[in-house]
């Protein structure tokens, strides 16, 4: 396991900022059926009550955090090999500019046949993220620039149920 150092993370910043702003694509879908378990999916079903069907998130929790979305370029930078991306704990990994400026709370995204809405609830790195990717990675994603760009990702809720597959488009509505 290689953990990115501060210089490597800083060098990747420009590539992250080149993420498309209006239309991107789904790179990876990950379901978390139980604590510490990850399933990479060929298709995810998103439901307004359940979030990602089969994920351990359930409707008793805050609907504003049903789905977590991470920029795939950030995942590649902090995690390295695609096989390690699911360790971040997010359900959707997309090639799209997730910055607050580009996607303010309330923005809706069509992903596959589903629609999600960006939440005001921030998505920040935690001790698990730091343990998996290193202290430099947590500082990077939680820096002022990292928070503005939502490098740790963003929370969203499902507003229209639908199916999502890797390779599907992601576009702002």
C-alpha atoms as a PDB file:
ATOM      1  CA  UNK A   1       0.000   0.000   0.000  1.00  0.00           C
ATOM      2  CA  UNK A   2       1.432   3.348  -1.057  1.00  0.00           C
ATOM      3  CA  UNK A   3       0.278   6.486   0.706  1.00  0.00           C
ATOM      4  CA  UNK A   4       0.556   9.719  -1.263  1.00  0.00           C
ATOM      5  CA  UNK A   5       2.832  12.350   0.224  1.00  0.00           C
ATOM      6  CA  UNK A   6       2.107  16.086   0.323  1.00  0.00           C
ATOM      7  CA  UNK A   7       4.153  16.805  -2.827  1.00  0.00           C
ATOM      8  CA  UNK A   8       2.322  14.117  -4.838  1.00  0.00           C
ATOM      9  CA  UNK A   9      -1.052  15.416  -3.663  1.00  0.00           C
ATOM     10  CA  UNK A  10      -0.156  19.026  -4.498  1.00  0.00           C
ATOM     11  CA  UNK A  11       1.093  17.952  -7.941  1.00  0.00           C
ATOM     12  CA  UNK A  12      -2.305  16.367  -8.656  1.00  0.00           C
ATOM     13  CA  UNK A  13      -4.288  19.491  -7.851  1.00  0.00           C
ATOM     14  CA  UNK A  14      -4.288  20.859 -11.428  1.00  0.00           C
ATOM     15  CA  UNK A  15      -5.566  17.552 -12.845  1.00  0.00           C
ATOM     16  CA  UNK A  16      -8.463  17.590 -10.367  1.00  0.00           C
ATOM     17  CA  UNK A  17      -9.345  21.134 -11.411  1.00  0.00           C
ATOM     18  CA  UNK A  18      -9.603  19.958 -15.038  1.00  0.00           C
ATOM     19  CA  UNK A  19     -12.660  17.848 -14.160  1.00  0.00           C
ATOM     20  CA  UNK A  20     -15.605  18.622 -16.460  1.00  0.00           C
ATOM     21  CA  UNK A  21     -18.096  21.084 -15.012  1.00  0.00           C
ATOM     22  CA  UNK A  22     -21.406  20.381 -16.777  1.00  0.00           C
ATOM     23  CA  UNK A  23     -21.304  16.769 -17.906  1.00  0.00           C
ATOM     24  CA  UNK A  24     -19.097  13.924 -16.749  1.00  0.00           C
ATOM     25  CA  UNK A  25     -19.334  10.195 -16.261  1.00  0.00           C
ATOM     26  CA  UNK A  26     -19.696   7.534 -13.599  1.00  0.00           C
ATOM     27  CA  UNK A  27     -16.423   5.717 -13.005  1.00  0.00           C
ATOM     28  CA  UNK A  28     -17.324   3.384 -10.130  1.00  0.00           C
ATOM     29  CA  UNK A  29     -20.342   2.378  -8.012  1.00  0.00           C
ATOM     30  CA  UNK A  30     -19.753   0.850  -4.589  1.00  0.00           C
ATOM     31  CA  UNK A  31     -22.305  -0.629  -2.188  1.00  0.00           C
ATOM     32  CA  UNK A  32     -21.498  -1.051   1.509  1.00  0.00           C
ATOM     33  CA  UNK A  33     -23.722  -3.943   2.667  1.00  0.00           C
ATOM     34  CA  UNK A  34     -22.207  -4.014   6.180  1.00  0.00           C
ATOM     35  CA  UNK A  35     -19.548  -2.182   8.178  1.00  0.00           C
ATOM     36  CA  UNK A  36     -16.177  -2.636   6.488  1.00  0.00           C
ATOM     37  CA  UNK A  37     -17.617  -4.466   3.442  1.00  0.00           C
ATOM     38  CA  UNK A  38     -17.567  -3.146  -0.130  1.00  0.00           C
ATOM     39  CA  UNK A  39     -19.178  -4.447  -3.322  1.00  0.00           C
ATOM     40  CA  UNK A  40     -18.242  -2.915  -6.668  1.00  0.00           C
ATOM     41  CA  UNK A  41     -21.401  -2.944  -8.785  1.00  0.00           C
ATOM     42  CA  UNK A  42     -22.075  -3.242 -12.504  1.00  0.00           C
ATOM     43  CA  UNK A  43     -25.392  -1.491 -11.801  1.00  0.00           C
ATOM     44  CA  UNK A  44     -26.712   0.387  -8.795  1.00  0.00           C
ATOM     45  CA  UNK A  45     -30.376   1.014  -8.135  1.00  0.00           C
ATOM     46  CA  UNK A  46     -31.035   4.314  -6.418  1.00  0.00           C
ATOM     47  CA  UNK A  47     -34.283   4.820  -4.515  1.00  0.00           C
ATOM     48  CA  UNK A  48     -35.718   7.944  -2.865  1.00  0.00           C
ATOM     49  CA  UNK A  49     -36.376   6.030   0.377  1.00  0.00           C
ATOM     50  CA  UNK A  50     -33.349   3.730   0.521  1.00  0.00           C
ATOM     51  CA  UNK A  51     -30.588   5.604  -1.292  1.00  0.00           C
ATOM     52  CA  UNK A  52     -28.438   2.969  -3.001  1.00  0.00           C
ATOM     53  CA  UNK A  53     -30.493  -0.220  -2.671  1.00  0.00           C
ATOM     54  CA  UNK A  54     -28.658  -2.756  -0.520  1.00  0.00           C
ATOM     55  CA  UNK A  55     -26.304  -0.193   1.025  1.00  0.00           C
ATOM     56  CA  UNK A  56     -26.102  -0.056   4.803  1.00  0.00           C
ATOM     57  CA  UNK A  57     -27.433   3.513   4.814  1.00  0.00           C
ATOM     58  CA  UNK A  58     -31.114   3.292   5.635  1.00  0.00           C
ATOM     59  CA  UNK A  59     -34.081   5.643   5.601  1.00  0.00           C
ATOM     60  CA  UNK A  60     -33.894   6.200   9.362  1.00  0.00           C
ATOM     61  CA  UNK A  61     -30.828   8.346   8.762  1.00  0.00           C
ATOM     62  CA  UNK A  62     -30.665  11.888   7.413  1.00  0.00           C
ATOM     63  CA  UNK A  63     -31.951  11.822   3.804  1.00  0.00           C
ATOM     64  CA  UNK A  64     -29.527  14.650   2.996  1.00  0.00           C
ATOM     65  CA  UNK A  65     -26.691  12.123   3.246  1.00  0.00           C
ATOM     66  CA  UNK A  66     -28.277   9.167   1.412  1.00  0.00           C
ATOM     67  CA  UNK A  67     -25.574   9.101  -1.242  1.00  0.00           C
ATOM     68  CA  UNK A  68     -21.942  10.178  -1.085  1.00  0.00           C
ATOM     69  CA  UNK A  69     -20.204  11.184  -4.283  1.00  0.00           C
ATOM     70  CA  UNK A  70     -16.452  11.542  -4.768  1.00  0.00           C
ATOM     71  CA  UNK A  71     -14.488  12.954  -7.682  1.00  0.00           C
ATOM     72  CA  UNK A  72     -12.746  10.015  -9.386  1.00  0.00           C
ATOM     73  CA  UNK A  73      -9.605  12.084  -9.996  1.00  0.00           C
ATOM     74  CA  UNK A  74      -9.294  12.714  -6.265  1.00  0.00           C
ATOM     75  CA  UNK A  75      -9.889   9.031  -5.519  1.00  0.00           C
ATOM     76  CA  UNK A  76      -7.139   8.074  -7.958  1.00  0.00           C
ATOM     77  CA  UNK A  77      -4.759  10.591  -6.396  1.00  0.00           C
ATOM     78  CA  UNK A  78      -5.289   9.641  -2.734  1.00  0.00           C
ATOM     79  CA  UNK A  79      -6.019   5.921  -3.154  1.00  0.00           C
ATOM     80  CA  UNK A  80      -3.913   5.010  -6.167  1.00  0.00           C
ATOM     81  CA  UNK A  81      -5.121   1.797  -7.792  1.00  0.00           C
ATOM     82  CA  UNK A  82      -8.832   1.692  -8.628  1.00  0.00           C
ATOM     83  CA  UNK A  83      -9.164  -1.412  -6.417  1.00  0.00           C
ATOM     84  CA  UNK A  84      -8.453   0.857  -3.417  1.00  0.00           C
ATOM     85  CA  UNK A  85     -11.026   3.543  -4.274  1.00  0.00           C
ATOM     86  CA  UNK A  86     -13.874   1.763  -2.420  1.00  0.00           C
ATOM     87  CA  UNK A  87     -11.929   2.185   0.825  1.00  0.00           C
ATOM     88  CA  UNK A  88     -12.950   5.856   0.759  1.00  0.00           C
ATOM     89  CA  UNK A  89     -16.471   4.700   1.632  1.00  0.00           C
ATOM     90  CA  UNK A  90     -18.400   6.562  -1.035  1.00  0.00           C
ATOM     91  CA  UNK A  91     -21.043   5.065  -3.313  1.00  0.00           C
ATOM     92  CA  UNK A  92     -20.430   7.003  -6.514  1.00  0.00           C
ATOM     93  CA  UNK A  93     -17.094   7.974  -8.046  1.00  0.00           C
ATOM     94  CA  UNK A  94     -17.564  10.404 -10.920  1.00  0.00           C
ATOM     95  CA  UNK A  95     -15.461  12.488 -13.258  1.00  0.00           C
ATOM     96  CA  UNK A  96     -17.130  15.831 -12.567  1.00  0.00           C
ATOM     97  CA  UNK A  97     -16.238  19.091 -10.832  1.00  0.00           C
ATOM     98  CA  UNK A  98     -17.926  18.730  -7.431  1.00  0.00           C
ATOM     99  CA  UNK A  99     -16.895  22.180  -6.169  1.00  0.00           C
ATOM    100  CA  UNK A 100     -19.349  24.260  -4.181  1.00  0.00           C
ATOM    101  CA  UNK A 101     -19.115  26.956  -6.874  1.00  0.00           C
ATOM    102  CA  UNK A 102     -20.034  24.487  -9.632  1.00  0.00           C
ATOM    103  CA  UNK A 103     -22.627  22.473  -7.689  1.00  0.00           C
ATOM    104  CA  UNK A 104     -24.180  24.605  -4.943  1.00  0.00           C
ATOM    105  CA  UNK A 105     -26.627  22.901  -2.575  1.00  0.00           C
ATOM    106  CA  UNK A 106     -29.899  22.215  -4.362  1.00  0.00           C
ATOM    107  CA  UNK A 107     -28.259  21.460  -7.719  1.00  0.00           C
ATOM    108  CA  UNK A 108     -29.724  18.360  -9.323  1.00  0.00           C
ATOM    109  CA  UNK A 109     -27.678  15.841 -11.259  1.00  0.00           C
ATOM    110  CA  UNK A 110     -28.984  13.260 -13.678  1.00  0.00           C
ATOM    111  CA  UNK A 111     -26.918  10.112 -13.270  1.00  0.00           C
ATOM    112  CA  UNK A 112     -28.014   7.235 -15.461  1.00  0.00           C
ATOM    113  CA  UNK A 113     -31.805   7.216 -15.081  1.00  0.00           C
ATOM    114  CA  UNK A 114     -31.644   8.545 -11.483  1.00  0.00           C
ATOM    115  CA  UNK A 115     -31.596  12.135 -10.271  1.00  0.00           C
ATOM    116  CA  UNK A 116     -29.825  13.234  -7.095  1.00  0.00           C
ATOM    117  CA  UNK A 117     -29.790  16.599  -5.376  1.00  0.00           C
ATOM    118  CA  UNK A 118     -26.688  18.107  -3.785  1.00  0.00           C
ATOM    119  CA  UNK A 119     -27.050  18.542  -0.031  1.00  0.00           C
ATOM    120  CA  UNK A 120     -25.889  21.336   2.258  1.00  0.00           C
ATOM    121  CA  UNK A 121     -24.472  18.719   4.655  1.00  0.00           C
ATOM    122  CA  UNK A 122     -20.680  18.749   4.256  1.00  0.00           C
ATOM    123  CA  UNK A 123     -18.810  15.494   3.617  1.00  0.00           C
ATOM    124  CA  UNK A 124     -15.487  15.596   5.430  1.00  0.00           C
ATOM    125  CA  UNK A 125     -12.719  13.115   5.923  1.00  0.00           C
ATOM    126  CA  UNK A 126     -12.697  11.082   9.122  1.00  0.00           C
ATOM    127  CA  UNK A 127     -10.266   8.941  11.099  1.00  0.00           C
ATOM    128  CA  UNK A 128     -10.978   5.957   8.817  1.00  0.00           C
ATOM    129  CA  UNK A 129     -10.098   8.019   5.729  1.00  0.00           C
ATOM    130  CA  UNK A 130      -6.876   9.147   7.398  1.00  0.00           C
ATOM    131  CA  UNK A 131      -5.978   5.588   8.444  1.00  0.00           C
ATOM    132  CA  UNK A 132      -6.547   4.265   4.915  1.00  0.00           C
ATOM    133  CA  UNK A 133      -4.932   7.060   2.907  1.00  0.00           C
ATOM    134  CA  UNK A 134      -2.644   8.885   5.359  1.00  0.00           C
ATOM    135  CA  UNK A 135      -2.571  12.097   7.334  1.00  0.00           C
ATOM    136  CA  UNK A 136      -1.393  14.106   4.311  1.00  0.00           C
ATOM    137  CA  UNK A 137      -4.503  13.005   2.375  1.00  0.00           C
ATOM    138  CA  UNK A 138      -6.863  14.114   5.145  1.00  0.00           C
ATOM    139  CA  UNK A 139      -5.102  17.484   5.365  1.00  0.00           C
ATOM    140  CA  UNK A 140      -5.303  17.823   1.572  1.00  0.00           C
ATOM    141  CA  UNK A 141      -9.045  17.150   1.276  1.00  0.00           C
ATOM    142  CA  UNK A 142      -9.904  19.211   4.365  1.00  0.00           C
ATOM    143  CA  UNK A 143      -7.732  22.226   3.476  1.00  0.00           C
ATOM    144  CA  UNK A 144      -9.637  25.442   2.659  1.00  0.00           C
ATOM    145  CA  UNK A 145      -9.132  24.813  -1.088  1.00  0.00           C
ATOM    146  CA  UNK A 146     -10.002  21.139  -0.623  1.00  0.00           C
ATOM    147  CA  UNK A 147     -13.277  21.982   1.116  1.00  0.00           C
ATOM    148  CA  UNK A 148     -14.221  24.556  -1.557  1.00  0.00           C
ATOM    149  CA  UNK A 149     -13.593  21.940  -4.255  1.00  0.00           C
ATOM    150  CA  UNK A 150     -15.243  19.191  -2.160  1.00  0.00           C
ATOM    151  CA  UNK A 151     -12.203  16.979  -2.595  1.00  0.00           C
ATOM    152  CA  UNK A 152     -13.542  14.619   0.076  1.00  0.00           C
ATOM    153  CA  UNK A 153     -16.787  14.462  -1.863  1.00  0.00           C
ATOM    154  CA  UNK A 154     -20.329  15.582  -1.274  1.00  0.00           C
ATOM    155  CA  UNK A 155     -23.576  14.353   0.193  1.00  0.00           C
ATOM    156  CA  UNK A 156     -26.735  14.073  -1.871  1.00  0.00           C
ATOM    157  CA  UNK A 157     -30.245  12.686  -1.722  1.00  0.00           C
ATOM    158  CA  UNK A 158     -32.153  10.753  -4.358  1.00  0.00           C
ATOM    159  CA  UNK A 159     -35.018  12.744  -5.897  1.00  0.00           C
ATOM    160  CA  UNK A 160     -35.807  10.370  -8.769  1.00  0.00           C
ATOM    161  CA  UNK A 161     -35.248   6.634  -8.540  1.00  0.00           C
ATOM    162  CA  UNK A 162     -33.281   4.961 -11.277  1.00  0.00           C
ATOM    163  CA  UNK A 163     -30.452   2.711 -12.355  1.00  0.00           C
ATOM    164  CA  UNK A 164     -26.831   3.810 -12.651  1.00  0.00           C
ATOM    165  CA  UNK A 165     -23.979   1.975 -14.371  1.00  0.00           C
ATOM    166  CA  UNK A 166     -20.271   2.733 -14.749  1.00  0.00           C
ATOM    167  CA  UNK A 167     -19.855   4.735 -17.945  1.00  0.00           C
ATOM    168  CA  UNK A 168     -23.237   6.453 -17.556  1.00  0.00           C
ATOM    169  CA  UNK A 169     -23.301  10.197 -18.003  1.00  0.00           C
ATOM    170  CA  UNK A 170     -23.571  12.671 -15.134  1.00  0.00           C
ATOM    171  CA  UNK A 171     -25.050  16.034 -16.028  1.00  0.00           C
ATOM    172  CA  UNK A 172     -26.335  19.094 -14.278  1.00  0.00           C
ATOM    173  CA  UNK A 173     -30.030  19.784 -14.705  1.00  0.00           C
END
